[in-house]
Amino acid sequence: MIFITAKFRVRPEHADRWPQIADEFTRATRAEPGCLWFDWSRSLDDPTEYVLVEAFRDDEAGAAHVQSDHFRTAQRDLPPHLVETPRIVNVTVPQEGWSELGEMAVAEGGR
């Protein structure tokens, strides 16, 4: 699995609207057959920073993503809303999804 985390610093005047600005790209990416997840979160410390956590099944799926029409459209349409080039961590991990965080195990029934 290819696991990617990217930080996007959005111009302050666009920060509240970022989910709508990135919506078409988000929906199209989530619809890709090799996309495992593509989830945005907003920083608690900096309201202009969004964190994208995404994963793709394998190298083939990752390559299909960056070669897609919606990726090329995002390359053109999203940067004018940003303060700087997004920062990224991109690794291949030997698993197919999320593992449980055993150190914070929740008892059955949530108690």
N, C-alpha and C. Protein backbone atom coordinates (compact mmCIF):
# COMPACT_ATOMS: atom_id res chain seq x y z
N MET A 1 0.85 -1.17 0.00
CA MET A 1 0.00 0.00 0.00
C MET A 1 0.90 1.23 0.00
N ILE A 2 0.51 2.22 -0.80
CA ILE A 2 1.20 3.52 -0.78
C ILE A 2 0.43 4.41 0.19
N PHE A 3 1.12 4.91 1.20
CA PHE A 3 0.51 5.75 2.23
C PHE A 3 1.10 7.15 2.10
N ILE A 4 0.24 8.15 1.99
CA ILE A 4 0.67 9.52 1.76
C ILE A 4 -0.01 10.45 2.75
N THR A 5 0.77 11.34 3.32
CA THR A 5 0.23 12.43 4.13
C THR A 5 0.80 13.71 3.56
N ALA A 6 -0.06 14.68 3.31
CA ALA A 6 0.38 15.97 2.76
C ALA A 6 -0.25 17.11 3.56
N LYS A 7 0.53 18.16 3.75
CA LYS A 7 0.04 19.35 4.45
C LYS A 7 -0.12 20.48 3.44
N PHE A 8 -1.31 21.06 3.42
CA PHE A 8 -1.65 22.15 2.51
C PHE A 8 -1.89 23.42 3.33
N ARG A 9 -1.09 24.46 3.10
CA ARG A 9 -1.34 25.75 3.75
C ARG A 9 -2.14 26.60 2.77
N VAL A 10 -3.37 26.86 3.14
CA VAL A 10 -4.33 27.55 2.29
C VAL A 10 -4.33 29.04 2.60
N ARG A 11 -4.48 29.87 1.57
CA ARG A 11 -4.58 31.31 1.79
C ARG A 11 -5.72 31.58 2.77
N PRO A 12 -5.52 32.47 3.74
CA PRO A 12 -6.54 32.71 4.76
C PRO A 12 -7.92 33.01 4.20
N GLU A 13 -7.98 33.75 3.11
CA GLU A 13 -9.28 34.11 2.54
C GLU A 13 -10.00 32.91 1.90
N HIS A 14 -9.29 31.79 1.71
CA HIS A 14 -9.89 30.59 1.12
C HIS A 14 -10.01 29.44 2.12
N ALA A 15 -9.47 29.61 3.33
CA ALA A 15 -9.36 28.49 4.28
C ALA A 15 -10.71 27.89 4.65
N ASP A 16 -11.71 28.69 4.91
CA ASP A 16 -13.00 28.13 5.30
C ASP A 16 -13.70 27.41 4.16
N ARG A 17 -13.36 27.78 2.93
CA ARG A 17 -13.99 27.18 1.75
C ARG A 17 -13.18 26.03 1.15
N TRP A 18 -12.02 25.72 1.73
CA TRP A 18 -11.15 24.70 1.14
C TRP A 18 -11.86 23.37 0.88
N PRO A 19 -12.69 22.86 1.80
CA PRO A 19 -13.37 21.59 1.48
C PRO A 19 -14.20 21.67 0.20
N GLN A 20 -14.84 22.79 -0.05
CA GLN A 20 -15.62 22.95 -1.29
C GLN A 20 -14.69 23.13 -2.49
N ILE A 21 -13.61 23.87 -2.31
CA ILE A 21 -12.65 24.10 -3.40
C ILE A 21 -12.05 22.77 -3.88
N ALA A 22 -11.74 21.89 -2.93
CA ALA A 22 -11.10 20.61 -3.26
C ALA A 22 -12.11 19.48 -3.47
N ASP A 23 -13.39 19.77 -3.40
CA ASP A 23 -14.42 18.73 -3.43
C ASP A 23 -14.41 17.88 -4.70
N GLU A 24 -14.34 18.48 -5.85
CA GLU A 24 -14.37 17.71 -7.10
C GLU A 24 -13.18 16.76 -7.18
N PHE A 25 -12.00 17.27 -6.83
CA PHE A 25 -10.79 16.45 -6.81
C PHE A 25 -10.93 15.31 -5.80
N THR A 26 -11.46 15.62 -4.63
CA THR A 26 -11.65 14.62 -3.58
C THR A 26 -12.60 13.52 -4.04
N ARG A 27 -13.76 13.90 -4.57
CA ARG A 27 -14.74 12.90 -5.00
C ARG A 27 -14.19 12.03 -6.13
N ALA A 28 -13.52 12.65 -7.09
CA ALA A 28 -12.97 11.89 -8.22
C ALA A 28 -11.88 10.93 -7.76
N THR A 29 -11.05 11.36 -6.84
CA THR A 29 -9.98 10.49 -6.34
C THR A 29 -10.57 9.33 -5.55
N ARG A 30 -11.54 9.60 -4.69
CA ARG A 30 -12.16 8.52 -3.91
C ARG A 30 -12.83 7.48 -4.81
N ALA A 31 -13.23 7.88 -6.01
CA ALA A 31 -13.88 6.95 -6.94
C ALA A 31 -12.88 6.10 -7.72
N GLU A 32 -11.60 6.39 -7.63
CA GLU A 32 -10.60 5.59 -8.33
C GLU A 32 -10.60 4.17 -7.77
N PRO A 33 -10.49 3.16 -8.64
CA PRO A 33 -10.54 1.78 -8.15
C PRO A 33 -9.42 1.44 -7.17
N GLY A 34 -8.26 2.06 -7.28
CA GLY A 34 -7.14 1.74 -6.41
C GLY A 34 -7.02 2.61 -5.18
N CYS A 35 -7.93 3.56 -5.00
CA CYS A 35 -7.88 4.45 -3.83
C CYS A 35 -8.49 3.73 -2.63
N LEU A 36 -7.70 3.64 -1.55
CA LEU A 36 -8.20 3.02 -0.33
C LEU A 36 -8.87 4.06 0.57
N TRP A 37 -8.30 5.25 0.65
CA TRP A 37 -8.93 6.37 1.34
C TRP A 37 -8.27 7.67 0.92
N PHE A 38 -8.99 8.77 1.12
CA PHE A 38 -8.55 10.10 0.72
C PHE A 38 -9.30 11.06 1.64
N ASP A 39 -8.70 11.38 2.78
CA ASP A 39 -9.40 12.09 3.86
C ASP A 39 -8.68 13.38 4.26
N TRP A 40 -9.45 14.45 4.33
CA TRP A 40 -8.95 15.76 4.75
C TRP A 40 -9.26 16.01 6.21
N SER A 41 -8.35 16.68 6.91
CA SER A 41 -8.57 17.17 8.27
C SER A 41 -8.00 18.58 8.35
N ARG A 42 -8.58 19.37 9.23
CA ARG A 42 -8.11 20.74 9.43
C ARG A 42 -7.30 20.79 10.72
N SER A 43 -6.18 21.46 10.68
CA SER A 43 -5.32 21.57 11.85
C SER A 43 -6.03 22.28 12.99
N LEU A 44 -5.81 21.80 14.20
CA LEU A 44 -6.35 22.46 15.39
C LEU A 44 -5.51 23.68 15.77
N ASP A 45 -4.25 23.70 15.34
CA ASP A 45 -3.34 24.79 15.69
C ASP A 45 -3.29 25.91 14.66
N ASP A 46 -3.56 25.59 13.40
CA ASP A 46 -3.47 26.57 12.33
C ASP A 46 -4.68 26.39 11.41
N PRO A 47 -5.65 27.29 11.48
CA PRO A 47 -6.88 27.12 10.68
C PRO A 47 -6.66 27.24 9.17
N THR A 48 -5.46 27.62 8.75
CA THR A 48 -5.18 27.67 7.31
C THR A 48 -4.49 26.39 6.82
N GLU A 49 -4.26 25.45 7.71
CA GLU A 49 -3.57 24.23 7.32
C GLU A 49 -4.53 23.04 7.29
N TYR A 50 -4.53 22.34 6.16
CA TYR A 50 -5.30 21.11 6.00
C TYR A 50 -4.32 19.97 5.80
N VAL A 51 -4.64 18.82 6.38
CA VAL A 51 -3.82 17.63 6.25
C VAL A 51 -4.62 16.60 5.46
N LEU A 52 -4.00 16.08 4.43
CA LEU A 52 -4.61 15.06 3.58
C LEU A 52 -3.93 13.73 3.88
N VAL A 53 -4.73 12.73 4.24
CA VAL A 53 -4.22 11.38 4.46
C VAL A 53 -4.85 10.52 3.37
N GLU A 54 -3.99 9.92 2.57
CA GLU A 54 -4.49 9.14 1.43
C GLU A 54 -3.70 7.84 1.32
N ALA A 55 -4.33 6.86 0.70
CA ALA A 55 -3.66 5.59 0.47
C ALA A 55 -4.17 4.98 -0.82
N PHE A 56 -3.24 4.31 -1.50
CA PHE A 56 -3.56 3.62 -2.75
C PHE A 56 -3.08 2.18 -2.65
N ARG A 57 -3.80 1.31 -3.29
CA ARG A 57 -3.58 -0.13 -3.21
C ARG A 57 -2.12 -0.52 -3.49
N ASP A 58 -1.52 0.08 -4.53
CA ASP A 58 -0.16 -0.30 -4.93
C ASP A 58 0.42 0.78 -5.85
N ASP A 59 1.63 0.54 -6.35
CA ASP A 59 2.29 1.51 -7.23
C ASP A 59 1.47 1.80 -8.47
N GLU A 60 0.84 0.77 -9.01
CA GLU A 60 0.01 0.94 -10.20
C GLU A 60 -1.15 1.92 -9.94
N ALA A 61 -1.80 1.76 -8.81
CA ALA A 61 -2.91 2.64 -8.45
C ALA A 61 -2.42 4.07 -8.20
N GLY A 62 -1.26 4.20 -7.57
CA GLY A 62 -0.68 5.53 -7.35
C GLY A 62 -0.34 6.21 -8.67
N ALA A 63 0.21 5.45 -9.60
CA ALA A 63 0.55 6.00 -10.92
C ALA A 63 -0.71 6.42 -11.67
N ALA A 64 -1.75 5.60 -11.60
CA ALA A 64 -3.01 5.94 -12.27
C ALA A 64 -3.57 7.24 -11.69
N HIS A 65 -3.43 7.43 -10.37
CA HIS A 65 -3.92 8.65 -9.73
C HIS A 65 -3.23 9.89 -10.29
N VAL A 66 -1.90 9.88 -10.31
CA VAL A 66 -1.18 11.08 -10.76
C VAL A 66 -1.26 11.29 -12.27
N GLN A 67 -1.73 10.29 -13.01
CA GLN A 67 -1.90 10.44 -14.45
C GLN A 67 -3.35 10.74 -14.85
N SER A 68 -4.23 10.85 -13.86
CA SER A 68 -5.65 11.05 -14.15
C SER A 68 -5.96 12.50 -14.57
N ASP A 69 -7.05 12.65 -15.27
CA ASP A 69 -7.49 14.00 -15.68
C ASP A 69 -7.79 14.87 -14.46
N HIS A 70 -8.43 14.29 -13.44
CA HIS A 70 -8.76 15.11 -12.27
C HIS A 70 -7.52 15.54 -11.50
N PHE A 71 -6.45 14.75 -11.54
CA PHE A 71 -5.20 15.16 -10.90
C PHE A 71 -4.60 16.34 -11.66
N ARG A 72 -4.59 16.27 -12.99
CA ARG A 72 -4.07 17.38 -13.80
C ARG A 72 -4.89 18.65 -13.58
N THR A 73 -6.20 18.50 -13.46
CA THR A 73 -7.06 19.65 -13.20
C THR A 73 -6.73 20.25 -11.83
N ALA A 74 -6.53 19.40 -10.84
CA ALA A 74 -6.17 19.88 -9.50
C ALA A 74 -4.82 20.59 -9.51
N GLN A 75 -3.87 20.08 -10.30
CA GLN A 75 -2.56 20.74 -10.41
C GLN A 75 -2.71 22.17 -10.93
N ARG A 76 -3.69 22.39 -11.75
CA ARG A 76 -3.93 23.72 -12.32
C ARG A 76 -4.78 24.59 -11.38
N ASP A 77 -5.83 23.99 -10.80
CA ASP A 77 -6.83 24.78 -10.08
C ASP A 77 -6.55 25.00 -8.59
N LEU A 78 -5.86 24.10 -7.92
CA LEU A 78 -5.68 24.24 -6.48
C LEU A 78 -4.55 25.18 -6.05
N PRO A 79 -3.38 25.19 -6.70
CA PRO A 79 -2.29 26.04 -6.23
C PRO A 79 -2.60 27.53 -6.06
N PRO A 80 -3.45 28.16 -6.87
CA PRO A 80 -3.75 29.58 -6.62
C PRO A 80 -4.40 29.85 -5.26
N HIS A 81 -4.92 28.80 -4.61
CA HIS A 81 -5.55 28.95 -3.30
C HIS A 81 -4.56 28.70 -2.16
N LEU A 82 -3.32 28.34 -2.49
CA LEU A 82 -2.34 27.94 -1.48
C LEU A 82 -1.31 29.04 -1.22
N VAL A 83 -0.75 29.02 -0.01
CA VAL A 83 0.30 29.94 0.39
C VAL A 83 1.66 29.44 -0.08
N GLU A 84 1.83 28.11 -0.08
CA GLU A 84 3.11 27.50 -0.43
C GLU A 84 2.87 26.12 -1.03
N THR A 85 3.92 25.55 -1.59
CA THR A 85 3.86 24.20 -2.12
C THR A 85 3.57 23.22 -0.98
N PRO A 86 2.59 22.34 -1.14
CA PRO A 86 2.30 21.37 -0.08
C PRO A 86 3.52 20.51 0.26
N ARG A 87 3.60 20.12 1.52
CA ARG A 87 4.66 19.23 2.01
C ARG A 87 4.07 17.82 2.10
N ILE A 88 4.89 16.82 1.82
CA ILE A 88 4.36 15.46 1.69
C ILE A 88 5.30 14.42 2.30
N VAL A 89 4.70 13.37 2.82
CA VAL A 89 5.41 12.15 3.19
C VAL A 89 4.74 11.04 2.38
N ASN A 90 5.54 10.26 1.68
CA ASN A 90 5.04 9.23 0.77
C ASN A 90 5.86 7.98 1.01
N VAL A 91 5.21 6.92 1.53
CA VAL A 91 5.92 5.68 1.80
C VAL A 91 5.09 4.49 1.33
N THR A 92 5.78 3.41 1.06
CA THR A 92 5.12 2.15 0.77
C THR A 92 5.19 1.32 2.05
N VAL A 93 4.04 0.82 2.47
CA VAL A 93 3.99 0.02 3.70
C VAL A 93 3.43 -1.36 3.38
N PRO A 94 3.92 -2.38 4.09
CA PRO A 94 3.50 -3.76 3.79
C PRO A 94 2.20 -4.15 4.49
N GLN A 95 1.14 -3.43 4.20
CA GLN A 95 -0.17 -3.80 4.72
C GLN A 95 -1.23 -3.26 3.78
N GLU A 96 -2.48 -3.60 4.02
CA GLU A 96 -3.54 -3.24 3.10
C GLU A 96 -4.57 -2.30 3.70
N GLY A 97 -4.39 -1.87 4.92
CA GLY A 97 -5.36 -0.99 5.56
C GLY A 97 -4.87 -0.57 6.93
N TRP A 98 -5.80 -0.09 7.72
CA TRP A 98 -5.48 0.38 9.07
C TRP A 98 -5.29 -0.79 10.02
N SER A 99 -4.35 -0.65 10.94
CA SER A 99 -4.18 -1.60 12.04
C SER A 99 -4.77 -0.95 13.29
N GLU A 100 -5.08 -1.74 14.29
CA GLU A 100 -5.57 -1.19 15.55
C GLU A 100 -4.41 -0.67 16.38
N LEU A 101 -4.65 0.41 17.12
CA LEU A 101 -3.67 0.98 18.04
C LEU A 101 -3.87 0.30 19.38
N GLY A 102 -3.18 -0.82 19.56
CA GLY A 102 -3.38 -1.65 20.74
C GLY A 102 -3.13 -0.95 22.05
N GLU A 103 -2.24 0.03 22.05
CA GLU A 103 -1.93 0.75 23.28
C GLU A 103 -3.12 1.58 23.80
N MET A 104 -4.10 1.79 22.95
CA MET A 104 -5.29 2.55 23.36
C MET A 104 -6.54 1.72 23.09
N ALA A 105 -6.44 0.44 23.32
CA ALA A 105 -7.55 -0.46 23.06
C ALA A 105 -8.79 -0.04 23.84
N VAL A 106 -9.92 -0.12 23.19
CA VAL A 106 -11.20 0.19 23.80
C VAL A 106 -11.91 -1.14 24.06
N ALA A 107 -12.34 -1.31 25.29
CA ALA A 107 -13.02 -2.55 25.65
C ALA A 107 -14.32 -2.67 24.86
N GLU A 108 -14.76 -3.90 24.67
CA GLU A 108 -16.01 -4.13 23.95
C GLU A 108 -17.14 -3.34 24.61
N GLY A 109 -17.92 -2.67 23.80
CA GLY A 109 -19.00 -1.82 24.31
C GLY A 109 -18.54 -0.41 24.62
N GLY A 110 -17.24 -0.11 24.37
CA GLY A 110 -16.74 1.25 24.55
C GLY A 110 -16.44 1.64 25.98
N ARG A 111 -16.33 0.69 26.89
CA ARG A 111 -16.06 1.03 28.29
C ARG A 111 -14.72 0.52 28.71
